[in-house]
Amino acid sequence: MNGPFGTIIDELSVSEWQLDKPPETEAATDVKGGDGGFSFQFSGHSFQYDRLGLSQE
């Protein structure tokens, strides 16, 4: 996906504190590009990556 600053984002690190339990897979799902970033699902949680960084939705 294109990141908020025009570079390609191949992978992101999700901190343990953002998850309830260890993920079953390392793959994100439902990845959607948006204005200035993108959103995705990972380990049952919704995340947003934009110019402010990674946050939970």
PDB file of N, CA and C in Angstrom:
ATOM      1  N   MET A   1       0.841  -1.183   0.000  1.00  0.00           N
ATOM      2  CA  MET A   1       0.000   0.000   0.000  1.00  0.00           C
ATOM      3  C   MET A   1       0.882   1.240   0.000  1.00  0.00           C
ATOM      4  N   ASN A   2       0.324   2.302  -0.524  1.00  0.00           N
ATOM      5  CA  ASN A   2       1.006   3.590  -0.456  1.00  0.00           C
ATOM      6  C   ASN A   2       0.805   4.179   0.931  1.00  0.00           C
ATOM      7  N   GLY A   3       1.899   4.586   1.538  1.00  0.00           N
ATOM      8  CA  GLY A   3       1.837   5.208   2.846  1.00  0.00           C
ATOM      9  C   GLY A   3       1.458   6.672   2.747  1.00  0.00           C
ATOM     10  N   PRO A   4       1.284   7.342   3.865  1.00  0.00           N
ATOM     11  CA  PRO A   4       0.844   8.733   3.874  1.00  0.00           C
ATOM     12  C   PRO A   4       1.862   9.717   3.300  1.00  0.00           C
ATOM     13  N   PHE A   5       3.114   9.306   3.157  1.00  0.00           N
ATOM     14  CA  PHE A   5       4.138  10.206   2.642  1.00  0.00           C
ATOM     15  C   PHE A   5       4.627   9.808   1.258  1.00  0.00           C
ATOM     16  N   GLY A   6       3.830   8.964   0.571  1.00  0.00           N
ATOM     17  CA  GLY A   6       4.126   8.601  -0.799  1.00  0.00           C
ATOM     18  C   GLY A   6       5.066   7.429  -0.989  1.00  0.00           C
ATOM     19  N   THR A   7       5.451   6.762   0.078  1.00  0.00           N
ATOM     20  CA  THR A   7       6.312   5.589  -0.043  1.00  0.00           C
ATOM     21  C   THR A   7       5.472   4.318   0.082  1.00  0.00           C
ATOM     22  N   ILE A   8       5.976   3.246  -0.489  1.00  0.00           N
ATOM     23  CA  ILE A   8       5.289   1.966  -0.420  1.00  0.00           C
ATOM     24  C   ILE A   8       5.537   1.339   0.957  1.00  0.00           C
ATOM     25  N   ILE A   9       4.476   0.878   1.609  1.00  0.00           N
ATOM     26  CA  ILE A   9       4.576   0.199   2.898  1.00  0.00           C
ATOM     27  C   ILE A   9       4.374  -1.297   2.652  1.00  0.00           C
ATOM     28  N   ASP A  10       5.424  -2.078   2.868  1.00  0.00           N
ATOM     29  CA  ASP A  10       5.348  -3.529   2.681  1.00  0.00           C
ATOM     30  C   ASP A  10       4.913  -4.247   3.950  1.00  0.00           C
ATOM     31  N   GLU A  11       5.309  -3.707   5.094  1.00  0.00           N
ATOM     32  CA  GLU A  11       4.941  -4.335   6.362  1.00  0.00           C
ATOM     33  C   GLU A  11       4.979  -3.313   7.484  1.00  0.00           C
ATOM     34  N   LEU A  12       4.203  -3.584   8.528  1.00  0.00           N
ATOM     35  CA  LEU A  12       4.164  -2.758   9.733  1.00  0.00           C
ATOM     36  C   LEU A  12       4.311  -3.663  10.944  1.00  0.00           C
ATOM     37  N   SER A  13       4.808  -3.120  12.017  1.00  0.00           N
ATOM     38  CA  SER A  13       4.864  -3.857  13.278  1.00  0.00           C
ATOM     39  C   SER A  13       3.694  -3.423  14.146  1.00  0.00           C
ATOM     40  N   VAL A  14       2.949  -4.400  14.636  1.00  0.00           N
ATOM     41  CA  VAL A  14       1.857  -4.145  15.572  1.00  0.00           C
ATOM     42  C   VAL A  14       2.355  -4.566  16.946  1.00  0.00           C
ATOM     43  N   SER A  15       2.284  -3.663  17.913  1.00  0.00           N
ATOM     44  CA  SER A  15       2.781  -3.942  19.264  1.00  0.00           C
ATOM     45  C   SER A  15       1.886  -4.940  19.992  1.00  0.00           C
ATOM     46  N   GLU A  16       2.490  -5.705  20.891  1.00  0.00           N
ATOM     47  CA  GLU A  16       1.741  -6.693  21.667  1.00  0.00           C
ATOM     48  C   GLU A  16       0.597  -6.063  22.443  1.00  0.00           C
ATOM     49  N   TRP A  17       0.785  -4.855  22.965  1.00  0.00           N
ATOM     50  CA  TRP A  17      -0.257  -4.228  23.768  1.00  0.00           C
ATOM     51  C   TRP A  17      -1.492  -3.873  22.946  1.00  0.00           C
ATOM     52  N   GLN A  18      -1.378  -3.861  21.615  1.00  0.00           N
ATOM     53  CA  GLN A  18      -2.521  -3.561  20.758  1.00  0.00           C
ATOM     54  C   GLN A  18      -3.361  -4.804  20.447  1.00  0.00           C
ATOM     55  N   LEU A  19      -2.914  -5.960  20.901  1.00  0.00           N
ATOM     56  CA  LEU A  19      -3.598  -7.221  20.629  1.00  0.00           C
ATOM     57  C   LEU A  19      -4.007  -7.887  21.934  1.00  0.00           C
ATOM     58  N   ASP A  20      -5.090  -8.673  21.893  1.00  0.00           N
ATOM     59  CA  ASP A  20      -5.541  -9.401  23.079  1.00  0.00           C
ATOM     60  C   ASP A  20      -4.741 -10.672  23.299  1.00  0.00           C
ATOM     61  N   LYS A  21      -4.298 -11.274  22.206  1.00  0.00           N
ATOM     62  CA  LYS A  21      -3.579 -12.546  22.267  1.00  0.00           C
ATOM     63  C   LYS A  21      -2.627 -12.613  21.078  1.00  0.00           C
ATOM     64  N   PRO A  22      -1.696 -13.539  21.074  1.00  0.00           N
ATOM     65  CA  PRO A  22      -0.784 -13.660  19.929  1.00  0.00           C
ATOM     66  C   PRO A  22      -1.560 -13.942  18.638  1.00  0.00           C
ATOM     67  N   PRO A  23      -1.169 -13.323  17.545  1.00  0.00           N
ATOM     68  CA  PRO A  23      -1.885 -13.541  16.282  1.00  0.00           C
ATOM     69  C   PRO A  23      -1.680 -14.950  15.746  1.00  0.00           C
ATOM     70  N   GLU A  24      -2.703 -15.463  15.067  1.00  0.00           N
ATOM     71  CA  GLU A  24      -2.602 -16.786  14.448  1.00  0.00           C
ATOM     72  C   GLU A  24      -1.853 -16.731  13.125  1.00  0.00           C
ATOM     73  N   THR A  25      -1.837 -15.575  12.497  1.00  0.00           N
ATOM     74  CA  THR A  25      -1.164 -15.385  11.224  1.00  0.00           C
ATOM     75  C   THR A  25      -0.494 -14.014  11.209  1.00  0.00           C
ATOM     76  N   GLU A  26       0.460 -13.839  10.333  1.00  0.00           N
ATOM     77  CA  GLU A  26       1.138 -12.543  10.219  1.00  0.00           C
ATOM     78  C   GLU A  26       0.530 -11.677   9.123  1.00  0.00           C
ATOM     79  N   ALA A  27      -0.500 -12.181   8.459  1.00  0.00           N
ATOM     80  CA  ALA A  27      -1.090 -11.463   7.330  1.00  0.00           C
ATOM     81  C   ALA A  27      -2.259 -10.583   7.769  1.00  0.00           C
ATOM     82  N   ALA A  28      -2.307  -9.375   7.232  1.00  0.00           N
ATOM     83  CA  ALA A  28      -3.438  -8.481   7.439  1.00  0.00           C
ATOM     84  C   ALA A  28      -4.522  -8.813   6.414  1.00  0.00           C
ATOM     85  N   THR A  29      -5.758  -8.508   6.758  1.00  0.00           N
ATOM     86  CA  THR A  29      -6.872  -8.722   5.842  1.00  0.00           C
ATOM     87  C   THR A  29      -7.651  -7.424   5.673  1.00  0.00           C
ATOM     88  N   ASP A  30      -8.535  -7.417   4.697  1.00  0.00           N
ATOM     89  CA  ASP A  30      -9.432  -6.284   4.436  1.00  0.00           C
ATOM     90  C   ASP A  30      -8.665  -4.959   4.354  1.00  0.00           C
ATOM     91  N   VAL A  31      -7.553  -4.968   3.630  1.00  0.00           N
ATOM     92  CA  VAL A  31      -6.717  -3.774   3.477  1.00  0.00           C
ATOM     93  C   VAL A  31      -7.388  -2.826   2.491  1.00  0.00           C
ATOM     94  N   LYS A  32      -7.612  -1.575   2.928  1.00  0.00           N
ATOM     95  CA  LYS A  32      -8.288  -0.578   2.095  1.00  0.00           C
ATOM     96  C   LYS A  32      -7.502   0.725   2.115  1.00  0.00           C
ATOM     97  N   GLY A  33      -7.201   1.205   0.926  1.00  0.00           N
ATOM     98  CA  GLY A  33      -6.537   2.492   0.811  1.00  0.00           C
ATOM     99  C   GLY A  33      -7.511   3.610   1.087  1.00  0.00           C
ATOM    100  N   GLY A  34      -7.002   4.688   1.615  1.00  0.00           N
ATOM    101  CA  GLY A  34      -7.834   5.853   1.905  1.00  0.00           C
ATOM    102  C   GLY A  34      -7.068   7.121   1.634  1.00  0.00           C
ATOM    103  N   ASP A  35      -7.670   8.215   1.954  1.00  0.00           N
ATOM    104  CA  ASP A  35      -7.053   9.517   1.752  1.00  0.00           C
ATOM    105  C   ASP A  35      -5.944   9.712   2.788  1.00  0.00           C
ATOM    106  N   GLY A  36      -4.709   9.609   2.362  1.00  0.00           N
ATOM    107  CA  GLY A  36      -3.588   9.845   3.251  1.00  0.00           C
ATOM    108  C   GLY A  36      -3.165   8.660   4.099  1.00  0.00           C
ATOM    109  N   GLY A  37      -3.555   7.463   3.728  1.00  0.00           N
ATOM    110  CA  GLY A  37      -3.157   6.284   4.492  1.00  0.00           C
ATOM    111  C   GLY A  37      -3.974   5.074   4.084  1.00  0.00           C
ATOM    112  N   PHE A  38      -4.101   4.112   4.993  1.00  0.00           N
ATOM    113  CA  PHE A  38      -4.902   2.925   4.717  1.00  0.00           C
ATOM    114  C   PHE A  38      -5.362   2.289   6.020  1.00  0.00           C
ATOM    115  N   SER A  39      -6.343   1.400   5.906  1.00  0.00           N
ATOM    116  CA  SER A  39      -6.854   0.671   7.056  1.00  0.00           C
ATOM    117  C   SER A  39      -6.758  -0.819   6.774  1.00  0.00           C
ATOM    118  N   PHE A  40      -6.782  -1.618   7.844  1.00  0.00           N
ATOM    119  CA  PHE A  40      -6.700  -3.063   7.691  1.00  0.00           C
ATOM    120  C   PHE A  40      -7.186  -3.754   8.960  1.00  0.00           C
ATOM    121  N   GLN A  41      -7.448  -5.045   8.832  1.00  0.00           N
ATOM    122  CA  GLN A  41      -7.819  -5.904   9.956  1.00  0.00           C
ATOM    123  C   GLN A  41      -6.614  -6.787  10.274  1.00  0.00           C
ATOM    124  N   PHE A  42      -6.346  -6.974  11.568  1.00  0.00           N
ATOM    125  CA  PHE A  42      -5.273  -7.867  11.972  1.00  0.00           C
ATOM    126  C   PHE A  42      -5.615  -8.472  13.324  1.00  0.00           C
ATOM    127  N   SER A  43      -5.634  -9.781  13.382  1.00  0.00           N
ATOM    128  CA  SER A  43      -5.876 -10.520  14.614  1.00  0.00           C
ATOM    129  C   SER A  43      -7.162 -10.068  15.316  1.00  0.00           C
ATOM    130  N   GLY A  44      -8.213  -9.819  14.518  1.00  0.00           N
ATOM    131  CA  GLY A  44      -9.509  -9.436  15.077  1.00  0.00           C
ATOM    132  C   GLY A  44      -9.650  -7.978  15.443  1.00  0.00           C
ATOM    133  N   HIS A  45      -8.698  -7.144  15.082  1.00  0.00           N
ATOM    134  CA  HIS A  45      -8.738  -5.717  15.396  1.00  0.00           C
ATOM    135  C   HIS A  45      -8.653  -4.886  14.121  1.00  0.00           C
ATOM    136  N   SER A  46      -9.253  -3.715  14.158  1.00  0.00           N
ATOM    137  CA  SER A  46      -9.197  -2.772  13.033  1.00  0.00           C
ATOM    138  C   SER A  46      -8.121  -1.730  13.312  1.00  0.00           C
ATOM    139  N   PHE A  47      -7.279  -1.495  12.311  1.00  0.00           N
ATOM    140  CA  PHE A  47      -6.191  -0.526  12.446  1.00  0.00           C
ATOM    141  C   PHE A  47      -6.237   0.483  11.304  1.00  0.00           C
ATOM    142  N   GLN A  48      -5.664   1.644  11.565  1.00  0.00           N
ATOM    143  CA  GLN A  48      -5.520   2.723  10.586  1.00  0.00           C
ATOM    144  C   GLN A  48      -4.067   3.152  10.605  1.00  0.00           C
ATOM    145  N   TYR A  49      -3.471   3.314   9.420  1.00  0.00           N
ATOM    146  CA  TYR A  49      -2.118   3.858   9.333  1.00  0.00           C
ATOM    147  C   TYR A  49      -2.184   5.120   8.497  1.00  0.00           C
ATOM    148  N   ASP A  50      -1.790   6.250   9.101  1.00  0.00           N
ATOM    149  CA  ASP A  50      -1.817   7.526   8.398  1.00  0.00           C
ATOM    150  C   ASP A  50      -0.627   8.362   8.848  1.00  0.00           C
ATOM    151  N   ARG A  51      -0.655   9.634   8.576  1.00  0.00           N
ATOM    152  CA  ARG A  51       0.493  10.505   8.876  1.00  0.00           C
ATOM    153  C   ARG A  51       0.809  10.593  10.373  1.00  0.00           C
ATOM    154  N   LEU A  52      -0.140  10.187  11.210  1.00  0.00           N
ATOM    155  CA  LEU A  52       0.075  10.191  12.648  1.00  0.00           C
ATOM    156  C   LEU A  52       0.589   8.858  13.178  1.00  0.00           C
ATOM    157  N   GLY A  53       0.703   7.866  12.294  1.00  0.00           N
ATOM    158  CA  GLY A  53       1.210   6.552  12.682  1.00  0.00           C
ATOM    159  C   GLY A  53       0.113   5.504  12.706  1.00  0.00           C
ATOM    160  N   LEU A  54       0.353   4.444  13.436  1.00  0.00           N
ATOM    161  CA  LEU A  54      -0.573   3.318  13.522  1.00  0.00           C
ATOM    162  C   LEU A  54      -1.492   3.506  14.725  1.00  0.00           C
ATOM    163  N   SER A  55      -2.799   3.363  14.501  1.00  0.00           N
ATOM    164  CA  SER A  55      -3.757   3.473  15.597  1.00  0.00           C
ATOM    165  C   SER A  55      -4.884   2.469  15.391  1.00  0.00           C
ATOM    166  N   GLN A  56      -5.556   2.141  16.476  1.00  0.00           N
ATOM    167  CA  GLN A  56      -6.711   1.262  16.390  1.00  0.00           C
ATOM    168  C   GLN A  56      -7.935   2.100  16.082  1.00  0.00           C
ATOM    169  N   GLU A  57      -8.812   1.519  15.281  1.00  0.00           N
ATOM    170  CA  GLU A  57     -10.055   2.235  14.945  1.00  0.00           C
ATOM    171  C   GLU A  57     -11.124   1.906  15.952  1.00  0.00           C
TER     172      GLU A  57
END
